[in-house]
């Protein structure tokens, strides 16, 4: 949806401004979400909403809601969202059954990670691979009131250098198909290192997911929106509140199998060569 990129740019601008303010102002990540559910003809008795403002200062949160089981509530709707700054992830799921039903949810995470290089690292721009992964399911028969099943907007920016193509990477899109979705977005961001404790390396992270007006079925991307920064050897990172961040991604099964196959093949070659050696 068109407002998602605008939301990310505004959030990044807020994070940049906060990074130059007092440490007390920039204490923790801005994390929040909304779950809004409506079912049946029972007026307000069948409407449920749960809100944590998207600008709430916290390191992590989870939020869930479900419509009540009442005679006038002729459908059942449920929703849940969560986010964690240290785990670098956001998640969202909603479901609606019966008629009429309506389920919406949104989650957002905005934080600035402090990246610390090892002593002796030269000053200047340091390029680091970055990526986002998104995986989830839209159940067969699911129907939206309008728009896509899921809108997402992810971004990583060098807080100290602005929004040029070399210092920012983003992935924005929509899930419109029923079934399983697995996406990976890869890029490279250059971060400015001045070797100054008063002006450390900073990476602004922004992640937003939105499902609006699911009438029937389910949309489940609850454990799937994850961000990565491949730190050079010896580099460390913390959230804005000081929590350690482990940016090492879990190896993909295909990659692990390829590595294991290569190791086994290497051992076989060594044994063959040893067998051919004269005794």
C-alpha atoms as a PDB file:
ATOM      1  CA  UNK A   1       0.000   0.000   0.000  1.00  0.00           C
ATOM      2  CA  UNK A   2       1.234   3.456  -0.817  1.00  0.00           C
ATOM      3  CA  UNK A   3       1.474   4.701   2.762  1.00  0.00           C
ATOM      4  CA  UNK A   4       3.966   2.014   3.812  1.00  0.00           C
ATOM      5  CA  UNK A   5       7.090   3.493   2.146  1.00  0.00           C
ATOM      6  CA  UNK A   6       6.128   6.916   3.505  1.00  0.00           C
ATOM      7  CA  UNK A   7       5.791   5.381   6.982  1.00  0.00           C
ATOM      8  CA  UNK A   8       9.273   3.854   6.712  1.00  0.00           C
ATOM      9  CA  UNK A   9      10.904   7.096   5.585  1.00  0.00           C
ATOM     10  CA  UNK A  10       9.220   9.047   8.372  1.00  0.00           C
ATOM     11  CA  UNK A  11      10.225   6.433  10.946  1.00  0.00           C
ATOM     12  CA  UNK A  12      13.818   6.488   9.737  1.00  0.00           C
ATOM     13  CA  UNK A  13      13.859  10.272   9.938  1.00  0.00           C
ATOM     14  CA  UNK A  14      12.571  10.091  13.510  1.00  0.00           C
ATOM     15  CA  UNK A  15      15.286   7.577  14.385  1.00  0.00           C
ATOM     16  CA  UNK A  16      17.999   9.766  12.864  1.00  0.00           C
ATOM     17  CA  UNK A  17      16.787  12.822  14.749  1.00  0.00           C
ATOM     18  CA  UNK A  18      16.582  10.816  17.963  1.00  0.00           C
ATOM     19  CA  UNK A  19      20.116   9.507  17.546  1.00  0.00           C
ATOM     20  CA  UNK A  20      21.442  13.053  17.858  1.00  0.00           C
ATOM     21  CA  UNK A  21      19.241  13.818  20.871  1.00  0.00           C
ATOM     22  CA  UNK A  22      19.924  12.852  24.465  1.00  0.00           C
ATOM     23  CA  UNK A  23      20.401   9.122  25.251  1.00  0.00           C
ATOM     24  CA  UNK A  24      17.281   9.191  27.443  1.00  0.00           C
ATOM     25  CA  UNK A  25      15.109  10.165  24.465  1.00  0.00           C
ATOM     26  CA  UNK A  26      16.602   7.444  22.282  1.00  0.00           C
ATOM     27  CA  UNK A  27      16.416   4.611  24.813  1.00  0.00           C
ATOM     28  CA  UNK A  28      14.639   1.722  23.105  1.00  0.00           C
ATOM     29  CA  UNK A  29      13.089   0.710  19.825  1.00  0.00           C
ATOM     30  CA  UNK A  30       9.769   2.045  18.586  1.00  0.00           C
ATOM     31  CA  UNK A  31       7.591  -1.061  18.385  1.00  0.00           C
ATOM     32  CA  UNK A  32       3.824  -1.398  18.188  1.00  0.00           C
ATOM     33  CA  UNK A  33       0.857  -2.982  16.508  1.00  0.00           C
ATOM     34  CA  UNK A  34      -2.889  -3.023  15.969  1.00  0.00           C
ATOM     35  CA  UNK A  35      -5.421  -5.866  15.841  1.00  0.00           C
ATOM     36  CA  UNK A  36      -8.971  -4.907  14.779  1.00  0.00           C
ATOM     37  CA  UNK A  37     -11.790  -7.489  14.515  1.00  0.00           C
ATOM     38  CA  UNK A  38     -15.483  -7.244  13.632  1.00  0.00           C
ATOM     39  CA  UNK A  39     -18.016 -10.088  13.346  1.00  0.00           C
ATOM     40  CA  UNK A  40     -21.765 -10.502  13.125  1.00  0.00           C
ATOM     41  CA  UNK A  41     -24.565  -7.999  13.582  1.00  0.00           C
ATOM     42  CA  UNK A  42     -24.220  -7.450  17.320  1.00  0.00           C
ATOM     43  CA  UNK A  43     -22.928  -3.901  17.075  1.00  0.00           C
ATOM     44  CA  UNK A  44     -20.180  -3.064  19.516  1.00  0.00           C
ATOM     45  CA  UNK A  45     -20.470  -6.384  21.352  1.00  0.00           C
ATOM     46  CA  UNK A  46     -18.880  -8.190  18.396  1.00  0.00           C
ATOM     47  CA  UNK A  47     -16.152  -5.632  17.738  1.00  0.00           C
ATOM     48  CA  UNK A  48     -12.747  -6.154  19.333  1.00  0.00           C
ATOM     49  CA  UNK A  49      -9.609  -4.083  18.979  1.00  0.00           C
ATOM     50  CA  UNK A  50      -6.232  -4.144  20.687  1.00  0.00           C
ATOM     51  CA  UNK A  51      -3.688  -1.400  20.138  1.00  0.00           C
ATOM     52  CA  UNK A  52      -0.096  -0.716  21.136  1.00  0.00           C
ATOM     53  CA  UNK A  53       0.869   2.629  19.525  1.00  0.00           C
ATOM     54  CA  UNK A  54       3.428   2.153  16.759  1.00  0.00           C
ATOM     55  CA  UNK A  55       5.748   4.654  18.475  1.00  0.00           C
ATOM     56  CA  UNK A  56       5.829   2.844  21.848  1.00  0.00           C
ATOM     57  CA  UNK A  57       9.360   2.722  23.278  1.00  0.00           C
ATOM     58  CA  UNK A  58      10.053  -0.936  24.068  1.00  0.00           C
ATOM     59  CA  UNK A  59      12.334  -3.777  23.009  1.00  0.00           C
ATOM     60  CA  UNK A  60       9.679  -6.367  22.193  1.00  0.00           C
ATOM     61  CA  UNK A  61       5.951  -7.013  22.431  1.00  0.00           C
ATOM     62  CA  UNK A  62       3.162  -9.405  21.461  1.00  0.00           C
ATOM     63  CA  UNK A  63      -0.528  -8.659  21.082  1.00  0.00           C
ATOM     64  CA  UNK A  64      -3.538 -10.888  20.364  1.00  0.00           C
ATOM     65  CA  UNK A  65      -7.338 -10.665  20.300  1.00  0.00           C
ATOM     66  CA  UNK A  66     -10.402 -12.777  19.492  1.00  0.00           C
ATOM     67  CA  UNK A  67     -14.066 -11.914  19.060  1.00  0.00           C
ATOM     68  CA  UNK A  68     -16.456 -13.182  21.767  1.00  0.00           C
ATOM     69  CA  UNK A  69     -18.672 -16.260  21.430  1.00  0.00           C
ATOM     70  CA  UNK A  70     -22.096 -14.617  21.563  1.00  0.00           C
ATOM     71  CA  UNK A  71     -25.325 -15.396  19.643  1.00  0.00           C
ATOM     72  CA  UNK A  72     -25.162 -12.136  17.700  1.00  0.00           C
ATOM     73  CA  UNK A  73     -21.523 -12.716  16.746  1.00  0.00           C
ATOM     74  CA  UNK A  74     -22.149 -14.942  13.739  1.00  0.00           C
ATOM     75  CA  UNK A  75     -18.462 -15.254  12.809  1.00  0.00           C
ATOM     76  CA  UNK A  76     -15.213 -15.832  14.653  1.00  0.00           C
ATOM     77  CA  UNK A  77     -12.207 -13.595  14.018  1.00  0.00           C
ATOM     78  CA  UNK A  78      -8.783 -13.617  15.636  1.00  0.00           C
ATOM     79  CA  UNK A  79      -5.504 -11.829  15.188  1.00  0.00           C
ATOM     80  CA  UNK A  80      -2.012 -11.601  16.668  1.00  0.00           C
ATOM     81  CA  UNK A  81       1.139  -9.548  16.068  1.00  0.00           C
ATOM     82  CA  UNK A  82       4.609  -9.483  17.621  1.00  0.00           C
ATOM     83  CA  UNK A  83       8.033  -7.901  17.179  1.00  0.00           C
ATOM     84  CA  UNK A  84      11.481  -8.047  18.783  1.00  0.00           C
ATOM     85  CA  UNK A  85      14.381  -5.623  18.339  1.00  0.00           C
ATOM     86  CA  UNK A  86      17.055  -8.102  19.482  1.00  0.00           C
ATOM     87  CA  UNK A  87      15.688 -10.898  17.273  1.00  0.00           C
ATOM     88  CA  UNK A  88      15.208  -8.452  14.354  1.00  0.00           C
ATOM     89  CA  UNK A  89      11.780  -9.837  13.471  1.00  0.00           C
ATOM     90  CA  UNK A  90       8.099  -8.986  13.116  1.00  0.00           C
ATOM     91  CA  UNK A  91       5.098 -11.266  12.705  1.00  0.00           C
ATOM     92  CA  UNK A  92       1.394 -11.060  11.918  1.00  0.00           C
ATOM     93  CA  UNK A  93      -1.549 -13.455  11.550  1.00  0.00           C
ATOM     94  CA  UNK A  94      -5.313 -13.015  11.226  1.00  0.00           C
ATOM     95  CA  UNK A  95      -8.240 -15.341  10.612  1.00  0.00           C
ATOM     96  CA  UNK A  96     -11.967 -14.987   9.989  1.00  0.00           C
ATOM     97  CA  UNK A  97     -14.668 -17.635   9.659  1.00  0.00           C
ATOM     98  CA  UNK A  98     -18.392 -17.324   9.151  1.00  0.00           C
ATOM     99  CA  UNK A  99     -20.209 -14.283   7.804  1.00  0.00           C
ATOM    100  CA  UNK A 100     -19.920 -11.410   8.054  1.00  0.00           C
ATOM    101  CA  UNK A 101     -16.368 -11.293   9.406  1.00  0.00           C
ATOM    102  CA  UNK A 102     -13.547  -8.779   9.160  1.00  0.00           C
ATOM    103  CA  UNK A 103     -10.010  -9.016  10.556  1.00  0.00           C
ATOM    104  CA  UNK A 104      -7.180  -6.484  10.213  1.00  0.00           C
ATOM    105  CA  UNK A 105      -3.729  -6.229  11.789  1.00  0.00           C
ATOM    106  CA  UNK A 106      -0.560  -4.163  11.529  1.00  0.00           C
ATOM    107  CA  UNK A 107       2.856  -4.412  13.172  1.00  0.00           C
ATOM    108  CA  UNK A 108       5.877  -2.104  13.012  1.00  0.00           C
ATOM    109  CA  UNK A 109       9.446  -2.181  14.356  1.00  0.00           C
ATOM    110  CA  UNK A 110      11.839   0.770  14.123  1.00  0.00           C
ATOM    111  CA  UNK A 111      15.221   0.754  15.837  1.00  0.00           C
ATOM    112  CA  UNK A 112      18.786   1.952  15.373  1.00  0.00           C
ATOM    113  CA  UNK A 113      21.481  -0.625  16.033  1.00  0.00           C
ATOM    114  CA  UNK A 114      24.884   0.468  17.316  1.00  0.00           C
ATOM    115  CA  UNK A 115      27.663  -1.324  15.393  1.00  0.00           C
ATOM    116  CA  UNK A 116      31.063  -1.500  17.097  1.00  0.00           C
ATOM    117  CA  UNK A 117      34.157  -2.355  15.020  1.00  0.00           C
ATOM    118  CA  UNK A 118      37.244  -3.983  16.543  1.00  0.00           C
ATOM    119  CA  UNK A 119      40.189  -1.720  17.502  1.00  0.00           C
ATOM    120  CA  UNK A 120      42.322  -0.663  14.569  1.00  0.00           C
ATOM    121  CA  UNK A 121      39.534  -0.714  11.996  1.00  0.00           C
ATOM    122  CA  UNK A 122      40.254   2.003   9.383  1.00  0.00           C
ATOM    123  CA  UNK A 123      37.889   4.950   9.128  1.00  0.00           C
ATOM    124  CA  UNK A 124      35.635   5.252   6.095  1.00  0.00           C
ATOM    125  CA  UNK A 125      32.716   3.408   4.532  1.00  0.00           C
ATOM    126  CA  UNK A 126      32.380  -0.310   5.260  1.00  0.00           C
ATOM    127  CA  UNK A 127      30.112  -2.344   2.973  1.00  0.00           C
ATOM    128  CA  UNK A 128      28.046  -5.069   4.646  1.00  0.00           C
ATOM    129  CA  UNK A 129      25.644  -7.561   3.008  1.00  0.00           C
ATOM    130  CA  UNK A 130      22.072  -7.225   4.302  1.00  0.00           C
ATOM    131  CA  UNK A 131      18.921  -9.245   3.743  1.00  0.00           C
ATOM    132  CA  UNK A 132      15.283  -9.726   4.666  1.00  0.00           C
ATOM    133  CA  UNK A 133      13.319 -12.974   4.674  1.00  0.00           C
ATOM    134  CA  UNK A 134       9.547 -13.358   4.580  1.00  0.00           C
ATOM    135  CA  UNK A 135       7.659 -16.649   4.683  1.00  0.00           C
ATOM    136  CA  UNK A 136       4.052 -17.531   5.378  1.00  0.00           C
ATOM    137  CA  UNK A 137       0.744 -18.920   4.156  1.00  0.00           C
ATOM    138  CA  UNK A 138      -2.593 -17.701   2.861  1.00  0.00           C
ATOM    139  CA  UNK A 139      -5.225 -20.416   3.333  1.00  0.00           C
ATOM    140  CA  UNK A 140      -7.233 -21.664   0.330  1.00  0.00           C
ATOM    141  CA  UNK A 141     -10.546 -19.861   0.023  1.00  0.00           C
ATOM    142  CA  UNK A 142      -9.318 -16.714   1.782  1.00  0.00           C
ATOM    143  CA  UNK A 143     -11.002 -13.466   0.702  1.00  0.00           C
ATOM    144  CA  UNK A 144     -10.118  -9.809   1.283  1.00  0.00           C
ATOM    145  CA  UNK A 145     -12.505  -6.877   1.411  1.00  0.00           C
ATOM    146  CA  UNK A 146     -10.030  -5.021  -0.804  1.00  0.00           C
ATOM    147  CA  UNK A 147      -6.310  -4.931  -1.447  1.00  0.00           C
ATOM    148  CA  UNK A 148      -3.646  -7.632  -1.003  1.00  0.00           C
ATOM    149  CA  UNK A 149      -3.506 -10.322   1.661  1.00  0.00           C
ATOM    150  CA  UNK A 150      -0.332  -8.761   3.082  1.00  0.00           C
ATOM    151  CA  UNK A 151       1.670  -5.573   2.506  1.00  0.00           C
ATOM    152  CA  UNK A 152       5.261  -5.392   3.739  1.00  0.00           C
ATOM    153  CA  UNK A 153       7.923  -2.702   3.884  1.00  0.00           C
ATOM    154  CA  UNK A 154      11.447  -3.434   5.150  1.00  0.00           C
ATOM    155  CA  UNK A 155      14.447  -1.118   5.195  1.00  0.00           C
ATOM    156  CA  UNK A 156      18.029  -0.870   6.498  1.00  0.00           C
ATOM    157  CA  UNK A 157      19.814   2.489   6.312  1.00  0.00           C
ATOM    158  CA  UNK A 158      23.171   3.879   7.409  1.00  0.00           C
ATOM    159  CA  UNK A 159      21.924   6.416   9.949  1.00  0.00           C
ATOM    160  CA  UNK A 160      25.034   8.555   9.597  1.00  0.00           C
ATOM    161  CA  UNK A 161      25.040   8.876   5.791  1.00  0.00           C
ATOM    162  CA  UNK A 162      21.469   9.391   4.603  1.00  0.00           C
ATOM    163  CA  UNK A 163      19.427   7.605   1.957  1.00  0.00           C
ATOM    164  CA  UNK A 164      21.696   7.196  -1.091  1.00  0.00           C
ATOM    165  CA  UNK A 165      21.594   3.931  -3.028  1.00  0.00           C
ATOM    166  CA  UNK A 166      24.890   2.860  -1.435  1.00  0.00           C
ATOM    167  CA  UNK A 167      23.800   3.528   2.147  1.00  0.00           C
ATOM    168  CA  UNK A 168      20.244   2.153   2.129  1.00  0.00           C
ATOM    169  CA  UNK A 169      18.420  -1.023   1.111  1.00  0.00           C
ATOM    170  CA  UNK A 170      14.680  -1.644   1.108  1.00  0.00           C
ATOM    171  CA  UNK A 171      12.154  -4.282   0.116  1.00  0.00           C
ATOM    172  CA  UNK A 172       8.524  -3.282  -0.359  1.00  0.00           C
ATOM    173  CA  UNK A 173       5.728  -5.358  -1.825  1.00  0.00           C
ATOM    174  CA  UNK A 174       2.469  -7.231  -1.489  1.00  0.00           C
ATOM    175  CA  UNK A 175       1.319 -10.832  -1.147  1.00  0.00           C
ATOM    176  CA  UNK A 176      -1.629 -11.372  -3.486  1.00  0.00           C
ATOM    177  CA  UNK A 177      -1.592 -15.137  -4.087  1.00  0.00           C
ATOM    178  CA  UNK A 178      -3.163 -17.925  -2.064  1.00  0.00           C
ATOM    179  CA  UNK A 179      -0.761 -20.592  -0.830  1.00  0.00           C
ATOM    180  CA  UNK A 180       2.770 -20.623   0.568  1.00  0.00           C
ATOM    181  CA  UNK A 181       5.166 -17.709   0.064  1.00  0.00           C
ATOM    182  CA  UNK A 182       8.910 -17.694   0.731  1.00  0.00           C
ATOM    183  CA  UNK A 183      10.896 -14.579  -0.178  1.00  0.00           C
ATOM    184  CA  UNK A 184      14.486 -13.462   0.384  1.00  0.00           C
ATOM    185  CA  UNK A 185      15.746  -9.966  -0.430  1.00  0.00           C
ATOM    186  CA  UNK A 186      19.512  -9.379  -0.585  1.00  0.00           C
ATOM    187  CA  UNK A 187      21.488  -6.169  -0.804  1.00  0.00           C
ATOM    188  CA  UNK A 188      24.584  -4.301   0.392  1.00  0.00           C
ATOM    189  CA  UNK A 189      24.689  -1.206   2.614  1.00  0.00           C
ATOM    190  CA  UNK A 190      27.797   0.915   3.261  1.00  0.00           C
ATOM    191  CA  UNK A 191      28.130   2.179   6.838  1.00  0.00           C
ATOM    192  CA  UNK A 192      30.280   5.141   7.870  1.00  0.00           C
ATOM    193  CA  UNK A 193      32.941   4.382  10.487  1.00  0.00           C
ATOM    194  CA  UNK A 194      34.613   7.408  12.116  1.00  0.00           C
ATOM    195  CA  UNK A 195      36.132   5.492  15.049  1.00  0.00           C
ATOM    196  CA  UNK A 196      34.532   7.948  17.472  1.00  0.00           C
ATOM    197  CA  UNK A 197      32.702   6.801  20.593  1.00  0.00           C
ATOM    198  CA  UNK A 198      30.525   9.917  20.444  1.00  0.00           C
ATOM    199  CA  UNK A 199      29.549   9.157  16.828  1.00  0.00           C
ATOM    200  CA  UNK A 200      29.356   5.352  16.490  1.00  0.00           C
ATOM    201  CA  UNK A 201      28.290   3.376  13.445  1.00  0.00           C
ATOM    202  CA  UNK A 202      24.489   3.170  13.323  1.00  0.00           C
ATOM    203  CA  UNK A 203      22.103   1.045  11.268  1.00  0.00           C
ATOM    204  CA  UNK A 204      18.454   2.136  11.207  1.00  0.00           C
ATOM    205  CA  UNK A 205      16.086  -0.819  10.825  1.00  0.00           C
ATOM    206  CA  UNK A 206      12.445  -0.446   9.808  1.00  0.00           C
ATOM    207  CA  UNK A 207       9.970  -3.329   9.371  1.00  0.00           C
ATOM    208  CA  UNK A 208       6.226  -3.014   8.771  1.00  0.00           C
ATOM    209  CA  UNK A 209       3.551  -5.603   7.892  1.00  0.00           C
ATOM    210  CA  UNK A 210      -0.149  -4.955   7.265  1.00  0.00           C
ATOM    211  CA  UNK A 211      -3.279  -7.021   6.525  1.00  0.00           C
ATOM    212  CA  UNK A 212      -6.445  -5.009   6.041  1.00  0.00           C
ATOM    213  CA  UNK A 213     -10.005  -6.406   5.988  1.00  0.00           C
ATOM    214  CA  UNK A 214      -9.685 -10.173   5.718  1.00  0.00           C
ATOM    215  CA  UNK A 215     -13.277 -11.372   5.238  1.00  0.00           C
ATOM    216  CA  UNK A 216     -12.719 -15.124   5.200  1.00  0.00           C
ATOM    217  CA  UNK A 217      -9.859 -17.555   5.732  1.00  0.00           C
ATOM    218  CA  UNK A 218      -6.461 -16.923   7.294  1.00  0.00           C
ATOM    219  CA  UNK A 219      -3.232 -15.056   6.616  1.00  0.00           C
ATOM    220  CA  UNK A 220      -0.294 -16.368   8.683  1.00  0.00           C
ATOM    221  CA  UNK A 221       3.091 -14.613   8.524  1.00  0.00           C
ATOM    222  CA  UNK A 222       3.611 -14.739  12.289  1.00  0.00           C
ATOM    223  CA  UNK A 223       7.180 -16.086  12.547  1.00  0.00           C
ATOM    224  CA  UNK A 224       8.607 -15.011   9.239  1.00  0.00           C
ATOM    225  CA  UNK A 225       9.704 -11.372   8.818  1.00  0.00           C
ATOM    226  CA  UNK A 226      13.415 -11.364   9.741  1.00  0.00           C
ATOM    227  CA  UNK A 227      16.267  -8.937   8.973  1.00  0.00           C
ATOM    228  CA  UNK A 228      20.022  -9.637   8.755  1.00  0.00           C
ATOM    229  CA  UNK A 229      23.253  -7.662   8.577  1.00  0.00           C
ATOM    230  CA  UNK A 230      26.409  -9.675   7.842  1.00  0.00           C
ATOM    231  CA  UNK A 231      28.901  -8.052  10.210  1.00  0.00           C
ATOM    232  CA  UNK A 232      32.609  -8.346   9.364  1.00  0.00           C
ATOM    233  CA  UNK A 233      34.731 -10.514  11.696  1.00  0.00           C
ATOM    234  CA  UNK A 234      35.216  -8.901  15.104  1.00  0.00           C
ATOM    235  CA  UNK A 235      32.281  -6.483  14.730  1.00  0.00           C
ATOM    236  CA  UNK A 236      29.452  -6.496  17.288  1.00  0.00           C
ATOM    237  CA  UNK A 237      26.004  -4.893  17.408  1.00  0.00           C
ATOM    238  CA  UNK A 238      23.475  -3.886  20.048  1.00  0.00           C
ATOM    239  CA  UNK A 239      19.952  -2.522  19.955  1.00  0.00           C
ATOM    240  CA  UNK A 240      19.423   1.119  20.883  1.00  0.00           C
ATOM    241  CA  UNK A 241      18.756   0.003  24.471  1.00  0.00           C
ATOM    242  CA  UNK A 242      21.958  -2.045  24.636  1.00  0.00           C
ATOM    243  CA  UNK A 243      20.658  -5.575  24.030  1.00  0.00           C
ATOM    244  CA  UNK A 244      23.150  -7.711  22.083  1.00  0.00           C
ATOM    245  CA  UNK A 245      22.124  -8.593  18.538  1.00  0.00           C
ATOM    246  CA  UNK A 246      23.280 -11.794  16.834  1.00  0.00           C
ATOM    247  CA  UNK A 247      23.129 -11.142  13.111  1.00  0.00           C
ATOM    248  CA  UNK A 248      24.363 -14.597  12.076  1.00  0.00           C
ATOM    249  CA  UNK A 249      21.619 -16.099   9.879  1.00  0.00           C
ATOM    250  CA  UNK A 250      20.692 -19.759  10.188  1.00  0.00           C
ATOM    251  CA  UNK A 251      22.154 -21.677   7.194  1.00  0.00           C
ATOM    252  CA  UNK A 252      19.547 -22.690   4.654  1.00  0.00           C
ATOM    253  CA  UNK A 253      18.940 -26.472   4.463  1.00  0.00           C
ATOM    254  CA  UNK A 254      20.105 -26.565   0.835  1.00  0.00           C
ATOM    255  CA  UNK A 255      23.312 -24.757   1.754  1.00  0.00           C
ATOM    256  CA  UNK A 256      23.983 -27.065   4.688  1.00  0.00           C
ATOM    257  CA  UNK A 257      23.371 -30.150   2.534  1.00  0.00           C
ATOM    258  CA  UNK A 258      25.681 -28.817  -0.179  1.00  0.00           C
ATOM    259  CA  UNK A 259      28.400 -28.206   2.419  1.00  0.00           C
ATOM    260  CA  UNK A 260      27.949 -31.703   3.862  1.00  0.00           C
ATOM    261  CA  UNK A 261      28.016 -33.284   0.397  1.00  0.00           C
ATOM    262  CA  UNK A 262      31.224 -31.430  -0.442  1.00  0.00           C
ATOM    263  CA  UNK A 263      32.797 -32.567   2.827  1.00  0.00           C
ATOM    264  CA  UNK A 264      31.878 -36.195   2.152  1.00  0.00           C
ATOM    265  CA  UNK A 265      33.133 -35.967  -1.433  1.00  0.00           C
ATOM    266  CA  UNK A 266      36.410 -34.471  -0.218  1.00  0.00           C
ATOM    267  CA  UNK A 267      36.872 -37.357   2.226  1.00  0.00           C
ATOM    268  CA  UNK A 268      36.157 -39.883  -0.534  1.00  0.00           C
ATOM    269  CA  UNK A 269      38.800 -38.293  -2.786  1.00  0.00           C
ATOM    270  CA  UNK A 270      41.371 -38.361   0.022  1.00  0.00           C
ATOM    271  CA  UNK A 271      40.667 -42.037   0.700  1.00  0.00           C
ATOM    272  CA  UNK A 272      40.935 -42.885  -3.028  1.00  0.00           C
ATOM    273  CA  UNK A 273      44.287 -41.158  -3.287  1.00  0.00           C
ATOM    274  CA  UNK A 274      45.535 -42.885  -0.154  1.00  0.00           C
ATOM    275  CA  UNK A 275      44.468 -46.269  -1.533  1.00  0.00           C
ATOM    276  CA  UNK A 276      46.457 -45.669  -4.718  1.00  0.00           C
ATOM    277  CA  UNK A 277      49.677 -44.901  -2.858  1.00  0.00           C
ATOM    278  CA  UNK A 278      52.225 -47.744  -3.086  1.00  0.00           C
ATOM    279  CA  UNK A 279      52.610 -49.671   0.136  1.00  0.00           C
END
